Amino acid sequence: MKSFDPNLTNYFSKKTIKLTFQQWDYKGTAYVEIGGNTTFTDLLSEFEDADTLVELLKESTSKLDFEFKDLGEDEFEEKWYRANLLNDKGEVCECEDWTESLPEMLVAIELVDVQREDK
């Protein structure tokens, strides 16, 4: 981000956040947008919640450079997801696991843009 206006935290603003997921040398990046009158630090706890992460990744405004699919619940009411991460060689690591484990793959959270929302 070239410049950060701290005054925007006092207004409704659209924050673009870069999320990096990783296992071994396989990575995936998602850019998600979150609006409202919240600071970036207020949002950090949101990324610990697996259900919130899944919903953010499924948003139509989110841009992902990897495949992600919410697989829903199994017969035991456990929620599942599938993510295909890539390494630098273009090789794929298919990750399929309980949704609860998704925050464990989140290795970086970066605020990349903030824009004031017009009412």
C-alpha atoms as a PDB file:
ATOM      1  CA  MET A   1       0.000   0.000   0.000  1.00  0.00           C
ATOM      2  CA  LYS A   2       1.489   3.324  -1.015  1.00  0.00           C
ATOM      3  CA  SER A   3      -0.245   5.408   1.626  1.00  0.00           C
ATOM      4  CA  PHE A   4      -2.500   4.748   4.611  1.00  0.00           C
ATOM      5  CA  ASP A   5      -4.867   7.480   5.782  1.00  0.00           C
ATOM      6  CA  PRO A   6      -5.489   6.785   9.503  1.00  0.00           C
ATOM      7  CA  ASN A   7      -8.554   9.052   9.357  1.00  0.00           C
ATOM      8  CA  LEU A   8     -10.361   6.406   7.296  1.00  0.00           C
ATOM      9  CA  THR A   9     -10.754   4.284  10.429  1.00  0.00           C
ATOM     10  CA  ASN A  10     -13.304   6.874  11.623  1.00  0.00           C
ATOM     11  CA  TYR A  11     -15.472   6.344   8.529  1.00  0.00           C
ATOM     12  CA  PHE A  12     -17.126   3.477   6.765  1.00  0.00           C
ATOM     13  CA  SER A  13     -14.449   2.120   4.483  1.00  0.00           C
ATOM     14  CA  LYS A  14     -13.814  -0.788   2.128  1.00  0.00           C
ATOM     15  CA  LYS A  15     -10.691  -2.678   3.115  1.00  0.00           C
ATOM     16  CA  THR A  16      -8.961  -5.002   0.653  1.00  0.00           C
ATOM     17  CA  ILE A  17      -7.094  -7.706   2.518  1.00  0.00           C
ATOM     18  CA  LYS A  18      -4.608 -10.192   1.071  1.00  0.00           C
ATOM     19  CA  LEU A  19      -4.774 -13.637   2.662  1.00  0.00           C
ATOM     20  CA  THR A  20      -2.010 -16.164   2.002  1.00  0.00           C
ATOM     21  CA  PHE A  21      -2.658 -19.856   2.592  1.00  0.00           C
ATOM     22  CA  GLN A  22       0.232 -22.305   2.584  1.00  0.00           C
ATOM     23  CA  GLN A  23       1.229 -25.927   3.149  1.00  0.00           C
ATOM     24  CA  TRP A  24       4.873 -26.796   2.575  1.00  0.00           C
ATOM     25  CA  ASP A  25       5.903 -24.886  -0.576  1.00  0.00           C
ATOM     26  CA  TYR A  26       2.343 -24.783  -1.981  1.00  0.00           C
ATOM     27  CA  LYS A  27       0.558 -21.433  -1.721  1.00  0.00           C
ATOM     28  CA  GLY A  28      -2.671 -19.723  -2.566  1.00  0.00           C
ATOM     29  CA  THR A  29      -3.585 -16.053  -2.305  1.00  0.00           C
ATOM     30  CA  ALA A  30      -6.988 -14.482  -1.862  1.00  0.00           C
ATOM     31  CA  TYR A  31      -7.950 -10.815  -1.967  1.00  0.00           C
ATOM     32  CA  VAL A  32     -11.103 -10.177   0.056  1.00  0.00           C
ATOM     33  CA  GLU A  33     -13.042  -6.976   0.623  1.00  0.00           C
ATOM     34  CA  ILE A  34     -14.559  -6.061   3.961  1.00  0.00           C
ATOM     35  CA  GLY A  35     -16.599  -2.925   4.508  1.00  0.00           C
ATOM     36  CA  GLY A  36     -17.884  -1.096   7.506  1.00  0.00           C
ATOM     37  CA  ASN A  37     -16.679   1.061  10.336  1.00  0.00           C
ATOM     38  CA  THR A  38     -13.990  -1.238  11.719  1.00  0.00           C
ATOM     39  CA  THR A  39     -10.240  -1.012  12.013  1.00  0.00           C
ATOM     40  CA  PHE A  40      -7.923  -3.578  10.515  1.00  0.00           C
ATOM     41  CA  THR A  41      -6.969  -4.840  13.962  1.00  0.00           C
ATOM     42  CA  ASP A  42     -10.662  -5.347  14.781  1.00  0.00           C
ATOM     43  CA  LEU A  43     -10.848  -7.651  11.758  1.00  0.00           C
ATOM     44  CA  LEU A  44      -7.887  -9.864  12.691  1.00  0.00           C
ATOM     45  CA  SER A  45      -9.916 -12.037  15.064  1.00  0.00           C
ATOM     46  CA  GLU A  46     -12.404 -12.682  12.233  1.00  0.00           C
ATOM     47  CA  PHE A  47      -9.747 -14.674  10.384  1.00  0.00           C
ATOM     48  CA  GLU A  48      -9.428 -17.142  13.262  1.00  0.00           C
ATOM     49  CA  ASP A  49     -13.000 -18.282  12.640  1.00  0.00           C
ATOM     50  CA  ALA A  50     -13.186 -21.001   9.986  1.00  0.00           C
ATOM     51  CA  ASP A  51     -16.780 -20.275   8.968  1.00  0.00           C
ATOM     52  CA  THR A  52     -15.979 -16.582   8.454  1.00  0.00           C
ATOM     53  CA  LEU A  53     -12.966 -17.489   6.285  1.00  0.00           C
ATOM     54  CA  VAL A  54     -15.077 -19.790   4.110  1.00  0.00           C
ATOM     55  CA  GLU A  55     -17.738 -17.119   3.641  1.00  0.00           C
ATOM     56  CA  LEU A  56     -15.104 -14.508   2.714  1.00  0.00           C
ATOM     57  CA  LEU A  57     -13.527 -16.830   0.138  1.00  0.00           C
ATOM     58  CA  LYS A  58     -16.947 -17.533  -1.400  1.00  0.00           C
ATOM     59  CA  GLU A  59     -17.868 -13.828  -1.783  1.00  0.00           C
ATOM     60  CA  SER A  60     -18.311 -12.728  -5.391  1.00  0.00           C
ATOM     61  CA  THR A  61     -15.931  -9.800  -4.773  1.00  0.00           C
ATOM     62  CA  SER A  62     -13.134 -12.095  -3.584  1.00  0.00           C
ATOM     63  CA  LYS A  63     -10.320 -12.852  -6.022  1.00  0.00           C
ATOM     64  CA  LEU A  64      -8.464 -16.142  -5.549  1.00  0.00           C
ATOM     65  CA  ASP A  65      -5.441 -17.435  -7.453  1.00  0.00           C
ATOM     66  CA  PHE A  66      -6.217 -20.995  -6.323  1.00  0.00           C
ATOM     67  CA  GLU A  67      -9.212 -23.297  -6.470  1.00  0.00           C
ATOM     68  CA  PHE A  68     -11.393 -23.320  -3.371  1.00  0.00           C
ATOM     69  CA  LYS A  69     -14.638 -25.181  -2.789  1.00  0.00           C
ATOM     70  CA  ASP A  70     -16.922 -25.347   0.216  1.00  0.00           C
ATOM     71  CA  LEU A  71     -17.921 -29.024   0.340  1.00  0.00           C
ATOM     72  CA  GLY A  72     -20.635 -28.538   2.962  1.00  0.00           C
ATOM     73  CA  GLU A  73     -21.460 -30.952   5.759  1.00  0.00           C
ATOM     74  CA  ASP A  74     -21.004 -34.700   5.858  1.00  0.00           C
ATOM     75  CA  GLU A  75     -23.349 -37.195   7.524  1.00  0.00           C
ATOM     76  CA  PHE A  76     -21.737 -36.379  10.905  1.00  0.00           C
ATOM     77  CA  GLU A  77     -22.454 -32.647  10.467  1.00  0.00           C
ATOM     78  CA  GLU A  78     -18.747 -31.896  10.018  1.00  0.00           C
ATOM     79  CA  LYS A  79     -18.030 -29.090   7.505  1.00  0.00           C
ATOM     80  CA  TRP A  80     -15.424 -29.709   4.775  1.00  0.00           C
ATOM     81  CA  TYR A  81     -13.518 -27.712   2.167  1.00  0.00           C
ATOM     82  CA  ARG A  82     -11.144 -28.416  -0.715  1.00  0.00           C
ATOM     83  CA  ALA A  83      -8.303 -26.105  -1.778  1.00  0.00           C
ATOM     84  CA  ASN A  84      -5.807 -26.684  -4.580  1.00  0.00           C
ATOM     85  CA  LEU A  85      -2.602 -24.808  -3.781  1.00  0.00           C
ATOM     86  CA  LEU A  86       0.307 -24.402  -6.221  1.00  0.00           C
ATOM     87  CA  ASN A  87       4.073 -24.340  -5.836  1.00  0.00           C
ATOM     88  CA  ASP A  88       6.541 -22.385  -7.988  1.00  0.00           C
ATOM     89  CA  LYS A  89       6.796 -25.326 -10.417  1.00  0.00           C
ATOM     90  CA  GLY A  90       3.025 -25.256 -11.015  1.00  0.00           C
ATOM     91  CA  GLU A  91       2.483 -28.520  -9.135  1.00  0.00           C
ATOM     92  CA  VAL A  92      -0.801 -28.876  -7.261  1.00  0.00           C
ATOM     93  CA  CYS A  93      -1.346 -29.857  -3.645  1.00  0.00           C
ATOM     94  CA  GLU A  94      -4.986 -30.805  -3.112  1.00  0.00           C
ATOM     95  CA  CYS A  95      -5.996 -30.066   0.457  1.00  0.00           C
ATOM     96  CA  GLU A  96      -9.297 -31.503   1.634  1.00  0.00           C
ATOM     97  CA  ASP A  97     -10.039 -31.225   5.319  1.00  0.00           C
ATOM     98  CA  TRP A  98     -12.460 -30.092   7.987  1.00  0.00           C
ATOM     99  CA  THR A  99     -13.319 -26.418   7.708  1.00  0.00           C
ATOM    100  CA  GLU A 100     -12.106 -25.990  11.286  1.00  0.00           C
ATOM    101  CA  SER A 101      -8.538 -26.564  10.042  1.00  0.00           C
ATOM    102  CA  LEU A 102      -8.636 -23.805   7.387  1.00  0.00           C
ATOM    103  CA  PRO A 103      -7.263 -21.036   9.684  1.00  0.00           C
ATOM    104  CA  GLU A 104      -4.195 -23.228  10.309  1.00  0.00           C
ATOM    105  CA  MET A 105      -3.229 -22.785   6.624  1.00  0.00           C
ATOM    106  CA  LEU A 106      -3.479 -18.992   6.855  1.00  0.00           C
ATOM    107  CA  VAL A 107       0.129 -17.775   7.113  1.00  0.00           C
ATOM    108  CA  ALA A 108      -0.184 -14.074   6.209  1.00  0.00           C
ATOM    109  CA  ILE A 109      -2.784 -11.310   6.438  1.00  0.00           C
ATOM    110  CA  GLU A 110      -2.017  -7.968   4.819  1.00  0.00           C
ATOM    111  CA  LEU A 111      -4.081  -4.819   4.441  1.00  0.00           C
ATOM    112  CA  VAL A 112      -3.426  -3.735   0.849  1.00  0.00           C
ATOM    113  CA  ASP A 113      -5.981  -0.963   0.287  1.00  0.00           C
ATOM    114  CA  VAL A 114      -8.519   1.185   2.108  1.00  0.00           C
ATOM    115  CA  GLN A 115     -11.127   3.328   0.357  1.00  0.00           C
ATOM    116  CA  ARG A 116     -13.796   5.466   1.972  1.00  0.00           C
ATOM    117  CA  GLU A 117     -17.284   4.124   1.338  1.00  0.00           C
ATOM    118  CA  ASP A 118     -19.848   6.583   0.039  1.00  0.00           C
ATOM    119  CA  LYS A 119     -23.200   6.374   1.749  1.00  0.00           C
END
